[in-house]
Amino acid sequence: MHKLKNEAALFKAALIEGMKYAEGRGVVKFEPGDSASERLLYIYRLLVHDKVIQPLPEDQVAEKTLRHKLAIWYAKQLPEDHPLLK
């Protein structure tokens, strides 16, 4: 797994964008008490279900790999000159 530059910041932004995506579809309403891990797993499963991202083999589904996968998903949506990609 190749580490991205600014991966932590990309993941934070990806989590927020993923929450907007899920709530915009009307499939979930995230509560303030939901943990980041729960949100991450839900967003990952939704993006896979919608065929937005490729699924990982089940034995590789772990928080670290999901964070990386979500960060990559978000990075691909950003323009090339975005500060998080530098």
PDB file of N, CA and C in Angstrom:
ATOM      1  N   MET A   1       0.856  -1.178   0.000  1.00  0.00           N
ATOM      2  CA  MET A   1       0.000   0.000   0.000  1.00  0.00           C
ATOM      3  C   MET A   1       0.897   1.236   0.000  1.00  0.00           C
ATOM      4  N   HIS A   2       0.761   2.053  -1.009  1.00  0.00           N
ATOM      5  CA  HIS A   2       1.564   3.256  -1.169  1.00  0.00           C
ATOM      6  C   HIS A   2       0.928   4.409  -0.401  1.00  0.00           C
ATOM      7  N   LYS A   3       1.688   4.991   0.507  1.00  0.00           N
ATOM      8  CA  LYS A   3       1.188   6.102   1.320  1.00  0.00           C
ATOM      9  C   LYS A   3       1.072   7.355   0.460  1.00  0.00           C
ATOM     10  N   LEU A   4      -0.064   8.040   0.585  1.00  0.00           N
ATOM     11  CA  LEU A   4      -0.286   9.287  -0.136  1.00  0.00           C
ATOM     12  C   LEU A   4       0.283  10.457   0.653  1.00  0.00           C
ATOM     13  N   LYS A   5       0.676  11.503  -0.069  1.00  0.00           N
ATOM     14  CA  LYS A   5       1.049  12.732   0.620  1.00  0.00           C
ATOM     15  C   LYS A   5      -0.226  13.301   1.240  1.00  0.00           C
ATOM     16  N   ASN A   6      -0.119  13.808   2.443  1.00  0.00           N
ATOM     17  CA  ASN A   6      -1.269  14.404   3.146  1.00  0.00           C
ATOM     18  C   ASN A   6      -2.424  13.412   3.313  1.00  0.00           C
ATOM     19  N   GLU A   7      -2.106  12.138   3.510  1.00  0.00           N
ATOM     20  CA  GLU A   7      -3.164  11.123   3.577  1.00  0.00           C
ATOM     21  C   GLU A   7      -4.146  11.370   4.719  1.00  0.00           C
ATOM     22  N   ALA A   8      -3.653  11.812   5.862  1.00  0.00           N
ATOM     23  CA  ALA A   8      -4.551  12.060   6.995  1.00  0.00           C
ATOM     24  C   ALA A   8      -5.549  13.166   6.668  1.00  0.00           C
ATOM     25  N   ALA A   9      -5.062  14.244   6.061  1.00  0.00           N
ATOM     26  CA  ALA A   9      -5.949  15.351   5.688  1.00  0.00           C
ATOM     27  C   ALA A   9      -6.911  14.928   4.578  1.00  0.00           C
ATOM     28  N   LEU A  10      -6.421  14.145   3.632  1.00  0.00           N
ATOM     29  CA  LEU A  10      -7.286  13.635   2.569  1.00  0.00           C
ATOM     30  C   LEU A  10      -8.383  12.748   3.144  1.00  0.00           C
ATOM     31  N   PHE A  11      -8.020  11.903   4.126  1.00  0.00           N
ATOM     32  CA  PHE A  11      -9.024  11.030   4.734  1.00  0.00           C
ATOM     33  C   PHE A  11     -10.087  11.846   5.451  1.00  0.00           C
ATOM     34  N   LYS A  12      -9.667  12.867   6.203  1.00  0.00           N
ATOM     35  CA  LYS A  12     -10.641  13.706   6.916  1.00  0.00           C
ATOM     36  C   LYS A  12     -11.631  14.335   5.945  1.00  0.00           C
ATOM     37  N   ALA A  13     -11.103  14.894   4.867  1.00  0.00           N
ATOM     38  CA  ALA A  13     -11.962  15.511   3.862  1.00  0.00           C
ATOM     39  C   ALA A  13     -12.835  14.460   3.172  1.00  0.00           C
ATOM     40  N   ALA A  14     -12.280  13.287   2.929  1.00  0.00           N
ATOM     41  CA  ALA A  14     -13.036  12.204   2.288  1.00  0.00           C
ATOM     42  C   ALA A  14     -14.180  11.727   3.171  1.00  0.00           C
ATOM     43  N   LEU A  15     -13.945  11.662   4.463  1.00  0.00           N
ATOM     44  CA  LEU A  15     -14.997  11.239   5.382  1.00  0.00           C
ATOM     45  C   LEU A  15     -16.156  12.233   5.358  1.00  0.00           C
ATOM     46  N   ILE A  16     -15.836  13.509   5.364  1.00  0.00           N
ATOM     47  CA  ILE A  16     -16.874  14.547   5.305  1.00  0.00           C
ATOM     48  C   ILE A  16     -17.628  14.465   3.982  1.00  0.00           C
ATOM     49  N   GLU A  17     -16.883  14.320   2.889  1.00  0.00           N
ATOM     50  CA  GLU A  17     -17.515  14.219   1.569  1.00  0.00           C
ATOM     51  C   GLU A  17     -18.347  12.945   1.456  1.00  0.00           C
ATOM     52  N   GLY A  18     -17.866  11.855   2.013  1.00  0.00           N
ATOM     53  CA  GLY A  18     -18.614  10.604   2.003  1.00  0.00           C
ATOM     54  C   GLY A  18     -19.907  10.700   2.798  1.00  0.00           C
ATOM     55  N   MET A  19     -19.850  11.411   3.915  1.00  0.00           N
ATOM     56  CA  MET A  19     -21.066  11.616   4.715  1.00  0.00           C
ATOM     57  C   MET A  19     -22.090  12.439   3.934  1.00  0.00           C
ATOM     58  N   LYS A  20     -21.622  13.467   3.241  1.00  0.00           N
ATOM     59  CA  LYS A  20     -22.520  14.280   2.405  1.00  0.00           C
ATOM     60  C   LYS A  20     -23.137  13.427   1.311  1.00  0.00           C
ATOM     61  N   TYR A  21     -22.323  12.572   0.698  1.00  0.00           N
ATOM     62  CA  TYR A  21     -22.798  11.691  -0.359  1.00  0.00           C
ATOM     63  C   TYR A  21     -23.906  10.769   0.163  1.00  0.00           C
ATOM     64  N   ALA A  22     -23.650  10.130   1.302  1.00  0.00           N
ATOM     65  CA  ALA A  22     -24.613   9.176   1.861  1.00  0.00           C
ATOM     66  C   ALA A  22     -25.903   9.877   2.296  1.00  0.00           C
ATOM     67  N   GLU A  23     -25.760  11.010   2.964  1.00  0.00           N
ATOM     68  CA  GLU A  23     -26.953  11.728   3.409  1.00  0.00           C
ATOM     69  C   GLU A  23     -27.704  12.333   2.228  1.00  0.00           C
ATOM     70  N   GLY A  24     -26.980  12.739   1.192  1.00  0.00           N
ATOM     71  CA  GLY A  24     -27.607  13.281  -0.009  1.00  0.00           C
ATOM     72  C   GLY A  24     -28.435  12.233  -0.740  1.00  0.00           C
ATOM     73  N   ARG A  25     -28.004  11.001  -0.675  1.00  0.00           N
ATOM     74  CA  ARG A  25     -28.771   9.904  -1.276  1.00  0.00           C
ATOM     75  C   ARG A  25     -29.987   9.556  -0.440  1.00  0.00           C
ATOM     76  N   GLY A  26     -30.017  10.031   0.806  1.00  0.00           N
ATOM     77  CA  GLY A  26     -31.151   9.755   1.674  1.00  0.00           C
ATOM     78  C   GLY A  26     -31.147   8.370   2.287  1.00  0.00           C
ATOM     79  N   VAL A  27     -30.001   7.724   2.317  1.00  0.00           N
ATOM     80  CA  VAL A  27     -29.942   6.361   2.844  1.00  0.00           C
ATOM     81  C   VAL A  27     -29.543   6.307   4.306  1.00  0.00           C
ATOM     82  N   VAL A  28     -29.037   7.414   4.856  1.00  0.00           N
ATOM     83  CA  VAL A  28     -28.581   7.402   6.238  1.00  0.00           C
ATOM     84  C   VAL A  28     -28.614   8.810   6.796  1.00  0.00           C
ATOM     85  N   LYS A  29     -28.761   8.882   8.094  1.00  0.00           N
ATOM     86  CA  LYS A  29     -28.620  10.149   8.820  1.00  0.00           C
ATOM     87  C   LYS A  29     -27.613   9.864   9.920  1.00  0.00           C
ATOM     88  N   PHE A  30     -26.399  10.403   9.775  1.00  0.00           N
ATOM     89  CA  PHE A  30     -25.360  10.166  10.765  1.00  0.00           C
ATOM     90  C   PHE A  30     -25.679  10.936  12.042  1.00  0.00           C
ATOM     91  N   GLU A  31     -25.474  10.277  13.167  1.00  0.00           N
ATOM     92  CA  GLU A  31     -25.699  10.874  14.478  1.00  0.00           C
ATOM     93  C   GLU A  31     -24.366  11.369  15.036  1.00  0.00           C
ATOM     94  N   PRO A  32     -24.398  12.392  15.894  1.00  0.00           N
ATOM     95  CA  PRO A  32     -23.158  12.900  16.496  1.00  0.00           C
ATOM     96  C   PRO A  32     -22.384  11.834  17.279  1.00  0.00           C
ATOM     97  N   GLY A  33     -23.068  10.839  17.797  1.00  0.00           N
ATOM     98  CA  GLY A  33     -22.421   9.793  18.586  1.00  0.00           C
ATOM     99  C   GLY A  33     -21.788   8.685  17.770  1.00  0.00           C
ATOM    100  N   ASP A  34     -21.996   8.700  16.451  1.00  0.00           N
ATOM    101  CA  ASP A  34     -21.401   7.667  15.596  1.00  0.00           C
ATOM    102  C   ASP A  34     -19.890   7.848  15.561  1.00  0.00           C
ATOM    103  N   SER A  35     -19.173   6.760  15.713  1.00  0.00           N
ATOM    104  CA  SER A  35     -17.709   6.839  15.677  1.00  0.00           C
ATOM    105  C   SER A  35     -17.229   6.984  14.230  1.00  0.00           C
ATOM    106  N   ALA A  36     -16.011   7.477  14.078  1.00  0.00           N
ATOM    107  CA  ALA A  36     -15.421   7.626  12.742  1.00  0.00           C
ATOM    108  C   ALA A  36     -15.287   6.260  12.072  1.00  0.00           C
ATOM    109  N   SER A  37     -15.005   5.218  12.868  1.00  0.00           N
ATOM    110  CA  SER A  37     -14.878   3.866  12.315  1.00  0.00           C
ATOM    111  C   SER A  37     -16.197   3.380  11.731  1.00  0.00           C
ATOM    112  N   GLU A  38     -17.295   3.636  12.436  1.00  0.00           N
ATOM    113  CA  GLU A  38     -18.616   3.236  11.943  1.00  0.00           C
ATOM    114  C   GLU A  38     -18.964   3.987  10.661  1.00  0.00           C
ATOM    115  N   ARG A  39     -18.683   5.270  10.667  1.00  0.00           N
ATOM    116  CA  ARG A  39     -18.969   6.086   9.483  1.00  0.00           C
ATOM    117  C   ARG A  39     -18.134   5.614   8.301  1.00  0.00           C
ATOM    118  N   LEU A  40     -16.863   5.349   8.556  1.00  0.00           N
ATOM    119  CA  LEU A  40     -15.948   4.888   7.521  1.00  0.00           C
ATOM    120  C   LEU A  40     -16.459   3.602   6.881  1.00  0.00           C
ATOM    121  N   LEU A  41     -16.814   2.621   7.688  1.00  0.00           N
ATOM    122  CA  LEU A  41     -17.281   1.345   7.164  1.00  0.00           C
ATOM    123  C   LEU A  41     -18.576   1.515   6.372  1.00  0.00           C
ATOM    124  N   TYR A  42     -19.493   2.329   6.884  1.00  0.00           N
ATOM    125  CA  TYR A  42     -20.758   2.542   6.184  1.00  0.00           C
ATOM    126  C   TYR A  42     -20.520   3.207   4.830  1.00  0.00           C
ATOM    127  N   ILE A  43     -19.683   4.242   4.812  1.00  0.00           N
ATOM    128  CA  ILE A  43     -19.408   4.957   3.562  1.00  0.00           C
ATOM    129  C   ILE A  43     -18.721   4.035   2.565  1.00  0.00           C
ATOM    130  N   TYR A  44     -17.759   3.252   3.045  1.00  0.00           N
ATOM    131  CA  TYR A  44     -17.074   2.300   2.158  1.00  0.00           C
ATOM    132  C   TYR A  44     -18.086   1.335   1.536  1.00  0.00           C
ATOM    133  N   ARG A  45     -18.929   0.735   2.359  1.00  0.00           N
ATOM    134  CA  ARG A  45     -19.910  -0.240   1.849  1.00  0.00           C
ATOM    135  C   ARG A  45     -20.877   0.417   0.858  1.00  0.00           C
ATOM    136  N   LEU A  46     -21.275   1.652   1.123  1.00  0.00           N
ATOM    137  CA  LEU A  46     -22.188   2.354   0.220  1.00  0.00           C
ATOM    138  C   LEU A  46     -21.503   2.642  -1.121  1.00  0.00           C
ATOM    139  N   LEU A  47     -20.261   3.110  -1.086  1.00  0.00           N
ATOM    140  CA  LEU A  47     -19.544   3.400  -2.325  1.00  0.00           C
ATOM    141  C   LEU A  47     -19.315   2.125  -3.148  1.00  0.00           C
ATOM    142  N   VAL A  48     -19.062   1.020  -2.474  1.00  0.00           N
ATOM    143  CA  VAL A  48     -18.922  -0.258  -3.182  1.00  0.00           C
ATOM    144  C   VAL A  48     -20.266  -0.663  -3.781  1.00  0.00           C
ATOM    145  N   HIS A  49     -21.327  -0.539  -2.999  1.00  0.00           N
ATOM    146  CA  HIS A  49     -22.666  -0.899  -3.469  1.00  0.00           C
ATOM    147  C   HIS A  49     -23.060  -0.079  -4.697  1.00  0.00           C
ATOM    148  N   ASP A  50     -22.718   1.206  -4.690  1.00  0.00           N
ATOM    149  CA  ASP A  50     -23.036   2.098  -5.808  1.00  0.00           C
ATOM    150  C   ASP A  50     -22.038   1.969  -6.959  1.00  0.00           C
ATOM    151  N   LYS A  51     -21.067   1.078  -6.812  1.00  0.00           N
ATOM    152  CA  LYS A  51     -20.037   0.827  -7.821  1.00  0.00           C
ATOM    153  C   LYS A  51     -19.208   2.067  -8.132  1.00  0.00           C
ATOM    154  N   VAL A  52     -18.971   2.869  -7.089  1.00  0.00           N
ATOM    155  CA  VAL A  52     -18.126   4.055  -7.211  1.00  0.00           C
ATOM    156  C   VAL A  52     -16.666   3.667  -7.021  1.00  0.00           C
ATOM    157  N   ILE A  53     -16.419   2.697  -6.122  1.00  0.00           N
ATOM    158  CA  ILE A  53     -15.068   2.189  -5.892  1.00  0.00           C
ATOM    159  C   ILE A  53     -15.089   0.669  -5.978  1.00  0.00           C
ATOM    160  N   GLN A  54     -13.923   0.107  -6.227  1.00  0.00           N
ATOM    161  CA  GLN A  54     -13.786  -1.348  -6.293  1.00  0.00           C
ATOM    162  C   GLN A  54     -13.729  -1.915  -4.868  1.00  0.00           C
ATOM    163  N   PRO A  55     -14.388  -3.029  -4.614  1.00  0.00           N
ATOM    164  CA  PRO A  55     -14.322  -3.624  -3.272  1.00  0.00           C
ATOM    165  C   PRO A  55     -12.974  -4.273  -3.009  1.00  0.00           C
ATOM    166  N   LEU A  56     -12.607  -4.281  -1.755  1.00  0.00           N
ATOM    167  CA  LEU A  56     -11.421  -4.999  -1.304  1.00  0.00           C
ATOM    168  C   LEU A  56     -11.824  -6.437  -0.984  1.00  0.00           C
ATOM    169  N   PRO A  57     -10.902  -7.375  -1.070  1.00  0.00           N
ATOM    170  CA  PRO A  57     -11.220  -8.721  -0.580  1.00  0.00           C
ATOM    171  C   PRO A  57     -11.569  -8.631   0.910  1.00  0.00           C
ATOM    172  N   GLU A  58     -12.539  -9.413   1.342  1.00  0.00           N
ATOM    173  CA  GLU A  58     -13.027  -9.315   2.727  1.00  0.00           C
ATOM    174  C   GLU A  58     -11.930  -9.463   3.771  1.00  0.00           C
ATOM    175  N   ASP A  59     -10.899 -10.247   3.474  1.00  0.00           N
ATOM    176  CA  ASP A  59      -9.835 -10.417   4.455  1.00  0.00           C
ATOM    177  C   ASP A  59      -8.934  -9.178   4.568  1.00  0.00           C
ATOM    178  N   GLN A  60      -9.091  -8.229   3.657  1.00  0.00           N
ATOM    179  CA  GLN A  60      -8.312  -6.991   3.708  1.00  0.00           C
ATOM    180  C   GLN A  60      -9.115  -5.802   4.224  1.00  0.00           C
ATOM    181  N   VAL A  61     -10.382  -6.016   4.559  1.00  0.00           N
ATOM    182  CA  VAL A  61     -11.219  -4.924   5.053  1.00  0.00           C
ATOM    183  C   VAL A  61     -10.848  -4.660   6.506  1.00  0.00           C
ATOM    184  N   ALA A  62     -10.056  -3.613   6.685  1.00  0.00           N
ATOM    185  CA  ALA A  62      -9.624  -3.170   8.010  1.00  0.00           C
ATOM    186  C   ALA A  62      -9.611  -1.646   7.986  1.00  0.00           C
ATOM    187  N   GLU A  63      -9.629  -1.050   9.159  1.00  0.00           N
ATOM    188  CA  GLU A  63      -9.726   0.405   9.215  1.00  0.00           C
ATOM    189  C   GLU A  63      -8.601   1.092   8.444  1.00  0.00           C
ATOM    190  N   LYS A  64      -7.388   0.596   8.566  1.00  0.00           N
ATOM    191  CA  LYS A  64      -6.247   1.221   7.895  1.00  0.00           C
ATOM    192  C   LYS A  64      -6.415   1.195   6.369  1.00  0.00           C
ATOM    193  N   THR A  65      -6.813   0.055   5.822  1.00  0.00           N
ATOM    194  CA  THR A  65      -6.971  -0.046   4.372  1.00  0.00           C
ATOM    195  C   THR A  65      -8.181   0.755   3.887  1.00  0.00           C
ATOM    196  N   LEU A  66      -9.239   0.805   4.694  1.00  0.00           N
ATOM    197  CA  LEU A  66     -10.411   1.578   4.297  1.00  0.00           C
ATOM    198  C   LEU A  66     -10.106   3.078   4.307  1.00  0.00           C
ATOM    199  N   ARG A  67      -9.334   3.521   5.291  1.00  0.00           N
ATOM    200  CA  ARG A  67      -8.927   4.938   5.323  1.00  0.00           C
ATOM    201  C   ARG A  67      -8.145   5.283   4.060  1.00  0.00           C
ATOM    202  N   HIS A  68      -7.228   4.401   3.687  1.00  0.00           N
ATOM    203  CA  HIS A  68      -6.416   4.612   2.490  1.00  0.00           C
ATOM    204  C   HIS A  68      -7.296   4.633   1.240  1.00  0.00           C
ATOM    205  N   LYS A  69      -8.216   3.695   1.144  1.00  0.00           N
ATOM    206  CA  LYS A  69      -9.110   3.586  -0.014  1.00  0.00           C
ATOM    207  C   LYS A  69      -9.976   4.838  -0.158  1.00  0.00           C
ATOM    208  N   LEU A  70     -10.504   5.336   0.962  1.00  0.00           N
ATOM    209  CA  LEU A  70     -11.330   6.534   0.934  1.00  0.00           C
ATOM    210  C   LEU A  70     -10.503   7.757   0.562  1.00  0.00           C
ATOM    211  N   ALA A  71      -9.282   7.836   1.056  1.00  0.00           N
ATOM    212  CA  ALA A  71      -8.401   8.958   0.721  1.00  0.00           C
ATOM    213  C   ALA A  71      -8.098   8.960  -0.782  1.00  0.00           C
ATOM    214  N   ILE A  72      -7.869   7.788  -1.354  1.00  0.00           N
ATOM    215  CA  ILE A  72      -7.618   7.689  -2.797  1.00  0.00           C
ATOM    216  C   ILE A  72      -8.860   8.129  -3.582  1.00  0.00           C
ATOM    217  N   TRP A  73     -10.020   7.654  -3.161  1.00  0.00           N
ATOM    218  CA  TRP A  73     -11.277   8.026  -3.813  1.00  0.00           C
ATOM    219  C   TRP A  73     -11.438   9.540  -3.840  1.00  0.00           C
ATOM    220  N   TYR A  74     -11.186  10.188  -2.717  1.00  0.00           N
ATOM    221  CA  TYR A  74     -11.346  11.628  -2.643  1.00  0.00           C
ATOM    222  C   TYR A  74     -10.278  12.347  -3.462  1.00  0.00           C
ATOM    223  N   ALA A  75      -9.038  11.882  -3.400  1.00  0.00           N
ATOM    224  CA  ALA A  75      -7.938  12.518  -4.137  1.00  0.00           C
ATOM    225  C   ALA A  75      -8.207  12.518  -5.643  1.00  0.00           C
ATOM    226  N   LYS A  76      -8.849  11.470  -6.140  1.00  0.00           N
ATOM    227  CA  LYS A  76      -9.146  11.392  -7.570  1.00  0.00           C
ATOM    228  C   LYS A  76     -10.206  12.399  -7.998  1.00  0.00           C
ATOM    229  N   GLN A  77     -10.980  12.915  -7.060  1.00  0.00           N
ATOM    230  CA  GLN A  77     -12.013  13.896  -7.374  1.00  0.00           C
ATOM    231  C   GLN A  77     -11.481  15.325  -7.375  1.00  0.00           C
ATOM    232  N   LEU A  78     -10.312  15.522  -6.813  1.00  0.00           N
ATOM    233  CA  LEU A  78      -9.751  16.859  -6.680  1.00  0.00           C
ATOM    234  C   LEU A  78      -9.029  17.286  -7.955  1.00  0.00           C
ATOM    235  N   PRO A  79      -9.006  18.598  -8.220  1.00  0.00           N
ATOM    236  CA  PRO A  79      -8.211  19.074  -9.359  1.00  0.00           C
ATOM    237  C   PRO A  79      -6.721  18.876  -9.082  1.00  0.00           C
ATOM    238  N   GLU A  80      -5.925  18.764 -10.125  1.00  0.00           N
ATOM    239  CA  GLU A  80      -4.501  18.468  -9.983  1.00  0.00           C
ATOM    240  C   GLU A  80      -3.751  19.501  -9.140  1.00  0.00           C
ATOM    241  N   ASP A  81      -4.206  20.740  -9.160  1.00  0.00           N
ATOM    242  CA  ASP A  81      -3.487  21.800  -8.435  1.00  0.00           C
ATOM    243  C   ASP A  81      -4.019  22.021  -7.018  1.00  0.00           C
ATOM    244  N   HIS A  82      -4.826  21.123  -6.525  1.00  0.00           N
ATOM    245  CA  HIS A  82      -5.375  21.261  -5.164  1.00  0.00           C
ATOM    246  C   HIS A  82      -4.244  21.155  -4.138  1.00  0.00           C
ATOM    247  N   PRO A  83      -4.284  21.986  -3.074  1.00  0.00           N
ATOM    248  CA  PRO A  83      -3.209  21.977  -2.067  1.00  0.00           C
ATOM    249  C   PRO A  83      -2.992  20.619  -1.375  1.00  0.00           C
ATOM    250  N   LEU A  84      -4.030  19.827  -1.209  1.00  0.00           N
ATOM    251  CA  LEU A  84      -3.871  18.530  -0.542  1.00  0.00           C
ATOM    252  C   LEU A  84      -3.092  17.525  -1.395  1.00  0.00           C
ATOM    253  N   LEU A  85      -2.975  17.778  -2.670  1.00  0.00           N
ATOM    254  CA  LEU A  85      -2.256  16.861  -3.551  1.00  0.00           C
ATOM    255  C   LEU A  85      -0.791  17.240  -3.721  1.00  0.00           C
ATOM    256  N   LYS A  86      -0.381  18.333  -3.126  1.00  0.00           N
ATOM    257  CA  LYS A  86       1.007  18.782  -3.269  1.00  0.00           C
ATOM    258  C   LYS A  86       1.855  18.341  -2.122  1.00  0.00           C
TER     259      LYS A  86
END
